[in-house]
Amino acid sequence: MSRMPLRTKVFTTLLDRFGRESILGMDLAAIRRSRASVAPTVPPFTWVTGPVSRAVAIEDSTFPARDGHPVPVRVYRPAGAGHAAPVLLWFHGGGWVLGSPRMYDPLCSHLAEGVGAVVVSVDYRKAPEHRAPQAVHDCVDATRWVTTAGAQLGADPSRLAVSGDSAGGNLAAVVCQVVRDEGGPRIAHQALVYPATDATMSQPSVAEHAHAPVLTREKMTVFRAHYLGEDGLAPDHPLVSPLWGHDLSGLPPALVQTADLDPLRDEGARYAEALRAAGVPARSTNYPGAPHGFASFPGATTVGRAAREELVAELRRHLARTPAPVEDRVTDRD
């Protein structure tokens, strides 16, 4: 197990104690207040989160889900992007309960500029108001919608990737399985950032990092209870736990990034292993000294820049008109 750098330890301690209310003490009103809160996008906050790129235009829109509900999306368009720009669907983290697209302006604008893609961040419906698999349905519907919205987005949706962090990584992985089973659309790549892939909470790192900063085993249990409810889907249902999908063959090539000091570390690594065993090209990278959530506070880590560079490079490669061959790799980044 790697050691957490001092700057990361100081930041996560302050974050856990003073930066936000814990899900452990939240009622529904507090959950909704948390979803509406956004960190300022000015220094010194951006020293931690990264800036919102000025080379990217941001606008809000909606699309109709299968039940007619208008699902909000936040669209990031890099300057100079023509109508041939690829599309990246982003699903935000937050335990299927918290989070919003606006919280991810620094990361999504960075991806839009770096990848040269139109990024569509989906404000899927969340628990406890909407139990599983509602979030999956909204994300699948978003995936289908972008393939028909090329003119509206000013992009080429035939070059499409999906990505997300934590619960969003879970949704990206599940979307890939669902659209494969239902005949498309074609997804060129899945980039999963410390994804939740096994809601049974049975992987060794859940116990090893039960009291880790940012995400603990107790918080995981509460998030899961909100998402599944008492009589909902089982934790090992494939729409909840993509690791337990019945067949992982034929899925898009993958990048799986994990944080070494994260309860979710082992389920992310196991998912990459399972993909490779099923014949899916999958690159997996474990970032030493990093806790869960580090993609949202790269400036407070020693590996945040490297993780973003890897994410951008993999997406650019797979969204190119003529993708380069995929290399299966398992890497620990220093």
Protein backbone atom coordinates (compact mmCIF):
# COMPACT_ATOMS: atom_id res chain seq x y z
CA MET A 1 0.00 0.00 0.00
CA SER A 2 1.34 3.43 -0.93
CA ARG A 3 1.57 6.39 1.43
CA MET A 4 -0.55 9.48 0.98
CA PRO A 5 1.46 12.64 0.24
CA LEU A 6 1.23 15.35 2.89
CA ARG A 7 -0.61 17.82 0.65
CA THR A 8 -3.26 15.20 -0.12
CA LYS A 9 -3.60 14.23 3.53
CA VAL A 10 -4.07 17.85 4.60
CA PHE A 11 -6.61 18.54 1.87
CA THR A 12 -8.73 15.44 2.44
CA THR A 13 -8.72 16.00 6.20
CA LEU A 14 -10.03 19.54 5.71
CA LEU A 15 -12.53 18.32 3.12
CA ASP A 16 -13.95 15.63 5.36
CA ARG A 17 -14.11 17.86 8.45
CA PHE A 18 -15.14 21.21 7.06
CA GLY A 19 -15.64 21.08 3.31
CA ARG A 20 -18.98 19.36 2.97
CA GLU A 21 -21.73 17.60 4.88
CA SER A 22 -21.35 13.85 5.08
CA ILE A 23 -23.92 11.61 3.41
CA LEU A 24 -24.15 9.82 6.77
CA GLY A 25 -26.10 12.70 8.29
CA MET A 26 -28.10 13.87 5.30
CA ASP A 27 -31.86 13.86 4.96
CA LEU A 28 -33.47 14.47 1.57
CA ALA A 29 -33.42 18.24 1.99
CA ALA A 30 -29.70 18.18 2.75
CA ILE A 31 -29.05 15.90 -0.22
CA ARG A 32 -30.78 18.36 -2.52
CA ARG A 33 -28.84 21.29 -1.06
CA SER A 34 -25.61 19.41 -1.64
CA ARG A 35 -26.48 18.72 -5.28
CA ALA A 36 -27.03 22.44 -5.83
CA SER A 37 -23.70 23.51 -4.29
CA VAL A 38 -20.72 24.16 -6.54
CA ALA A 39 -17.15 25.09 -5.66
CA PRO A 40 -16.11 28.56 -6.87
CA THR A 41 -14.24 28.54 -10.17
CA VAL A 42 -11.69 31.17 -9.15
CA PRO A 43 -8.34 30.94 -7.33
CA PRO A 44 -7.48 29.62 -4.81
CA PHE A 45 -10.16 26.96 -5.39
CA THR A 46 -8.97 26.30 -8.94
CA TRP A 47 -5.47 25.61 -7.62
CA VAL A 48 -7.06 22.40 -6.32
CA THR A 49 -9.80 21.63 -8.86
CA GLY A 50 -8.12 22.98 -11.96
CA PRO A 51 -9.57 25.91 -13.91
CA VAL A 52 -12.57 25.92 -16.18
CA SER A 53 -11.07 26.19 -19.66
CA ARG A 54 -11.73 29.52 -21.35
CA ALA A 55 -11.31 27.79 -24.70
CA VAL A 56 -14.54 25.85 -24.17
CA ALA A 57 -18.10 27.13 -24.57
CA ILE A 58 -20.61 25.71 -22.08
CA GLU A 59 -24.35 25.55 -22.53
CA ASP A 60 -27.26 23.72 -20.93
CA SER A 61 -29.87 21.71 -22.77
CA THR A 62 -32.21 18.74 -22.29
CA PHE A 63 -33.23 15.59 -24.10
CA PRO A 64 -36.38 13.46 -23.69
CA ALA A 65 -35.90 10.18 -21.82
CA ARG A 66 -37.94 7.10 -22.72
CA ASP A 67 -40.70 8.16 -20.30
CA GLY A 68 -40.80 11.66 -21.75
CA HIS A 69 -38.98 13.24 -18.80
CA PRO A 70 -36.63 16.07 -19.91
CA VAL A 71 -33.15 15.08 -18.70
CA PRO A 72 -30.74 18.03 -18.36
CA VAL A 73 -27.34 17.88 -20.04
CA ARG A 74 -24.41 20.28 -19.92
CA VAL A 75 -22.56 20.56 -23.22
CA TYR A 76 -18.90 21.59 -23.56
CA ARG A 77 -17.70 22.63 -27.02
CA PRO A 78 -14.01 23.39 -27.58
CA ALA A 79 -13.16 26.48 -29.61
CA GLY A 80 -12.61 25.70 -33.25
CA ALA A 81 -14.37 22.33 -33.08
CA GLY A 82 -15.97 21.65 -36.42
CA HIS A 83 -18.96 19.49 -37.15
CA ALA A 84 -16.62 16.47 -37.35
CA ALA A 85 -15.68 16.62 -33.65
CA PRO A 86 -16.27 13.38 -31.74
CA VAL A 87 -18.61 13.13 -28.76
CA LEU A 88 -17.75 12.13 -25.20
CA LEU A 89 -20.60 11.31 -22.82
CA TRP A 90 -19.68 12.03 -19.19
CA PHE A 91 -21.56 10.55 -16.22
CA HIS A 92 -20.69 12.27 -12.95
CA GLY A 93 -19.96 10.60 -9.63
CA GLY A 94 -21.64 11.01 -6.26
CA GLY A 95 -22.83 7.56 -5.22
CA TRP A 96 -25.90 7.77 -7.52
CA VAL A 97 -27.19 10.28 -4.94
CA LEU A 98 -25.06 13.43 -4.98
CA GLY A 99 -23.24 15.45 -7.63
CA SER A 100 -24.21 17.48 -10.67
CA PRO A 101 -22.71 18.36 -14.06
CA ARG A 102 -21.79 21.88 -12.89
CA MET A 103 -19.52 20.41 -10.22
CA TYR A 104 -17.51 18.88 -13.06
CA ASP A 105 -16.96 22.04 -15.13
CA PRO A 106 -13.17 22.00 -14.52
CA LEU A 107 -12.75 18.35 -15.55
CA CYS A 108 -15.26 18.30 -18.41
CA SER A 109 -13.94 21.51 -19.95
CA HIS A 110 -10.42 20.11 -19.64
CA LEU A 111 -11.51 16.95 -21.47
CA ALA A 112 -13.32 18.92 -24.16
CA GLU A 113 -10.24 21.03 -24.87
CA GLY A 114 -7.70 18.23 -24.53
CA VAL A 115 -9.57 15.57 -26.48
CA GLY A 116 -11.04 17.97 -29.01
CA ALA A 117 -14.47 16.49 -28.40
CA VAL A 118 -17.92 17.80 -27.61
CA VAL A 119 -18.50 16.63 -24.05
CA VAL A 120 -22.09 15.96 -22.98
CA SER A 121 -22.45 15.66 -19.19
CA VAL A 122 -25.70 13.98 -18.18
CA ASP A 123 -27.72 15.05 -15.13
CA TYR A 124 -29.33 11.63 -14.73
CA ARG A 125 -32.04 11.14 -12.12
CA LYS A 126 -30.66 10.21 -8.73
CA ALA A 127 -31.60 8.32 -5.59
CA PRO A 128 -33.34 8.25 -3.20
CA GLU A 129 -36.07 9.87 -5.30
CA HIS A 130 -35.25 7.57 -8.22
CA ARG A 131 -33.96 4.08 -7.42
CA ALA A 132 -31.96 1.79 -9.67
CA PRO A 133 -32.12 1.31 -12.58
CA GLN A 134 -33.48 4.80 -13.36
CA ALA A 135 -30.00 6.30 -13.62
CA VAL A 136 -29.03 3.53 -16.04
CA HIS A 137 -32.09 4.17 -18.19
CA ASP A 138 -31.33 7.90 -18.37
CA CYS A 139 -27.71 7.27 -19.34
CA VAL A 140 -28.65 4.68 -21.97
CA ASP A 141 -31.23 7.11 -23.35
CA ALA A 142 -28.59 9.86 -23.43
CA THR A 143 -26.29 7.56 -25.39
CA ARG A 144 -28.97 6.88 -27.96
CA TRP A 145 -29.99 10.54 -28.11
CA VAL A 146 -26.52 11.85 -28.97
CA THR A 147 -26.34 9.52 -31.95
CA THR A 148 -29.34 11.33 -33.43
CA ALA A 149 -28.39 14.82 -32.28
CA GLY A 150 -25.32 15.42 -34.40
CA ALA A 151 -26.72 18.57 -35.97
CA GLN A 152 -27.89 19.93 -32.62
CA LEU A 153 -24.53 19.21 -31.00
CA GLY A 154 -22.52 20.23 -34.06
CA ALA A 155 -20.52 17.02 -33.83
CA ASP A 156 -19.98 13.59 -35.34
CA PRO A 157 -21.74 11.12 -33.00
CA SER A 158 -20.44 8.16 -35.01
CA ARG A 159 -17.24 8.67 -32.96
CA LEU A 160 -18.61 8.23 -29.45
CA ALA A 161 -17.00 7.40 -26.11
CA VAL A 162 -18.42 7.15 -22.60
CA SER A 163 -16.69 8.04 -19.37
CA GLY A 164 -17.37 8.78 -15.73
CA ASP A 165 -15.97 8.62 -12.23
CA SER A 166 -17.05 6.45 -9.30
CA ALA A 167 -20.84 5.94 -9.66
CA GLY A 168 -20.50 7.59 -13.06
CA GLY A 169 -17.87 5.02 -14.01
CA ASN A 170 -20.35 2.37 -12.94
CA LEU A 171 -22.99 3.88 -15.22
CA ALA A 172 -20.57 4.12 -18.15
CA ALA A 173 -19.66 0.44 -17.79
CA VAL A 174 -23.31 -0.63 -17.50
CA VAL A 175 -24.28 1.50 -20.51
CA CYS A 176 -21.68 -0.33 -22.62
CA GLN A 177 -23.16 -3.69 -21.64
CA VAL A 178 -26.76 -2.60 -22.23
CA VAL A 179 -26.24 -1.02 -25.66
CA ARG A 180 -24.17 -4.01 -26.81
CA ASP A 181 -26.99 -6.34 -25.81
CA GLU A 182 -29.62 -4.13 -27.45
CA GLY A 183 -27.82 -3.68 -30.74
CA GLY A 184 -26.06 -0.35 -30.47
CA PRO A 185 -25.12 2.38 -30.88
CA ARG A 186 -21.44 1.64 -31.34
CA ILE A 187 -19.22 3.00 -28.56
CA ALA A 188 -15.57 3.43 -29.47
CA HIS A 189 -14.17 3.53 -25.93
CA GLN A 190 -15.06 3.45 -22.24
CA ALA A 191 -12.89 5.41 -19.81
CA LEU A 192 -13.70 4.43 -16.24
CA VAL A 193 -12.27 6.53 -13.41
CA TYR A 194 -12.16 4.61 -10.09
CA PRO A 195 -15.44 2.94 -11.10
CA ALA A 196 -17.85 1.20 -8.73
CA THR A 197 -18.26 -2.19 -10.39
CA ASP A 198 -19.24 -4.49 -7.53
CA ALA A 199 -22.01 -3.36 -5.19
CA THR A 200 -21.68 -6.54 -3.12
CA MET A 201 -18.81 -4.69 -1.38
CA SER A 202 -16.91 -7.97 -1.19
CA GLN A 203 -13.55 -6.90 -2.63
CA PRO A 204 -10.54 -6.83 -0.25
CA SER A 205 -9.88 -3.09 -0.61
CA VAL A 206 -13.31 -2.31 0.86
CA ALA A 207 -12.11 -3.73 4.18
CA GLU A 208 -8.52 -2.52 3.76
CA HIS A 209 -9.64 1.09 3.26
CA ALA A 210 -12.83 0.97 5.30
CA HIS A 211 -11.91 4.25 7.02
CA ALA A 212 -10.21 5.98 4.12
CA PRO A 213 -10.57 9.70 3.49
CA VAL A 214 -13.38 10.93 1.20
CA LEU A 215 -15.08 7.51 0.87
CA THR A 216 -15.49 4.99 3.69
CA ARG A 217 -17.20 1.62 3.83
CA GLU A 218 -19.97 3.14 5.93
CA LYS A 219 -20.61 5.82 3.29
CA MET A 220 -20.63 3.17 0.58
CA THR A 221 -23.32 1.27 2.50
CA VAL A 222 -25.49 4.39 2.76
CA PHE A 223 -25.10 5.27 -0.92
CA ARG A 224 -26.01 1.71 -1.88
CA ALA A 225 -29.08 1.75 0.38
CA HIS A 226 -30.30 4.97 -1.22
CA TYR A 227 -29.73 3.61 -4.72
CA LEU A 228 -31.22 0.13 -4.31
CA GLY A 229 -33.90 0.67 -1.66
CA GLU A 230 -35.27 -2.15 0.45
CA ASP A 231 -37.00 -4.13 -2.29
CA GLY A 232 -35.03 -3.05 -5.34
CA LEU A 233 -32.42 -4.71 -7.49
CA ALA A 234 -29.94 -7.03 -5.81
CA PRO A 235 -26.36 -5.76 -5.32
CA ASP A 236 -25.04 -8.35 -7.80
CA HIS A 237 -27.55 -7.50 -10.53
CA PRO A 238 -25.64 -6.61 -13.73
CA LEU A 239 -27.47 -3.26 -13.97
CA VAL A 240 -25.97 -2.42 -10.57
CA SER A 241 -22.66 -4.31 -10.66
CA PRO A 242 -21.13 -4.53 -14.15
CA LEU A 243 -18.47 -6.90 -12.80
CA TRP A 244 -21.25 -9.48 -12.49
CA GLY A 245 -22.38 -9.06 -16.08
CA HIS A 246 -23.16 -12.42 -17.68
CA ASP A 247 -20.93 -11.83 -20.71
CA LEU A 248 -18.21 -9.19 -21.01
CA SER A 249 -17.11 -10.07 -24.54
CA GLY A 250 -17.61 -7.62 -27.37
CA LEU A 251 -17.50 -4.54 -25.16
CA PRO A 252 -15.62 -1.36 -26.15
CA PRO A 253 -11.89 -1.06 -25.37
CA ALA A 254 -11.39 0.35 -21.89
CA LEU A 255 -9.20 2.46 -19.69
CA VAL A 256 -9.69 1.79 -15.98
CA GLN A 257 -8.01 4.19 -13.56
CA THR A 258 -7.92 3.31 -9.88
CA ALA A 259 -6.74 5.08 -6.74
CA ASP A 260 -4.48 3.03 -4.49
CA LEU A 261 -6.01 4.28 -1.21
CA ASP A 262 -9.61 3.82 -2.33
CA PRO A 263 -12.13 1.21 -1.12
CA LEU A 264 -13.12 0.81 -4.80
CA ARG A 265 -9.58 0.02 -5.96
CA ASP A 266 -9.90 -3.75 -6.24
CA GLU A 267 -13.27 -3.83 -7.99
CA GLY A 268 -11.93 -1.47 -10.64
CA ALA A 269 -8.85 -3.62 -11.12
CA ARG A 270 -10.94 -6.79 -11.23
CA TYR A 271 -13.21 -5.31 -13.86
CA ALA A 272 -10.22 -4.55 -16.08
CA GLU A 273 -8.98 -8.12 -15.54
CA ALA A 274 -12.42 -9.52 -16.39
CA LEU A 275 -12.56 -7.45 -19.57
CA ARG A 276 -9.16 -8.74 -20.68
CA ALA A 277 -10.19 -12.31 -19.88
CA ALA A 278 -13.22 -11.81 -22.14
CA GLY A 279 -11.00 -10.60 -24.98
CA VAL A 280 -11.65 -6.87 -24.53
CA PRO A 281 -8.56 -4.64 -24.82
CA ALA A 282 -8.25 -2.93 -21.44
CA ARG A 283 -5.57 -0.68 -19.99
CA SER A 284 -5.60 -0.36 -16.19
CA THR A 285 -3.58 2.13 -14.17
CA ASN A 286 -3.38 2.35 -10.39
CA TYR A 287 -2.31 5.72 -8.95
CA PRO A 288 -0.24 5.43 -5.75
CA GLY A 289 -0.93 7.80 -2.86
CA ALA A 290 -4.31 8.79 -4.30
CA PRO A 291 -7.64 8.56 -2.47
CA HIS A 292 -11.09 8.20 -3.98
CA GLY A 293 -12.23 11.29 -5.84
CA PHE A 294 -8.77 12.57 -6.75
CA ALA A 295 -9.80 13.43 -10.32
CA SER A 296 -11.85 16.28 -8.86
CA PHE A 297 -8.95 17.73 -6.85
CA PRO A 298 -5.85 17.07 -8.97
CA GLY A 299 -3.96 20.01 -7.49
CA ALA A 300 -4.04 18.41 -4.05
CA THR A 301 -2.30 15.27 -5.33
CA THR A 302 1.02 14.36 -6.90
CA VAL A 303 -0.60 12.19 -9.59
CA GLY A 304 -3.57 14.27 -10.72
CA ARG A 305 -1.83 15.75 -13.74
CA ALA A 306 -0.57 12.35 -14.92
CA ALA A 307 -4.04 10.83 -14.56
CA ARG A 308 -5.60 13.60 -16.63
CA GLU A 309 -2.91 13.29 -19.29
CA GLU A 310 -3.54 9.55 -19.54
CA LEU A 311 -7.30 10.04 -19.73
CA VAL A 312 -7.01 12.63 -22.50
CA ALA A 313 -4.47 10.58 -24.46
CA GLU A 314 -6.54 7.39 -24.38
CA LEU A 315 -9.72 9.17 -25.42
CA ARG A 316 -7.97 11.04 -28.23
CA ARG A 317 -6.49 7.80 -29.51
CA HIS A 318 -9.75 5.91 -29.58
CA LEU A 319 -11.79 8.77 -30.98
CA ALA A 320 -9.39 9.41 -33.85
CA ARG A 321 -10.74 8.67 -37.30
CA THR A 322 -8.24 5.82 -37.60
CA PRO A 323 -7.65 4.58 -34.04
CA ALA A 324 -4.23 3.23 -33.13
CA PRO A 325 -4.01 -0.39 -31.96
CA VAL A 326 -4.96 -0.87 -28.33
CA GLU A 327 -2.34 -1.99 -25.85
CA ASP A 328 -3.41 -4.02 -22.84
CA ARG A 329 -1.51 -2.76 -19.84
CA VAL A 330 -1.54 -2.92 -16.07
CA THR A 331 0.37 0.01 -14.65
CA ASP A 332 1.22 1.55 -11.29
CA ARG A 333 2.00 5.23 -11.84
CA ASP A 334 4.62 6.92 -9.70
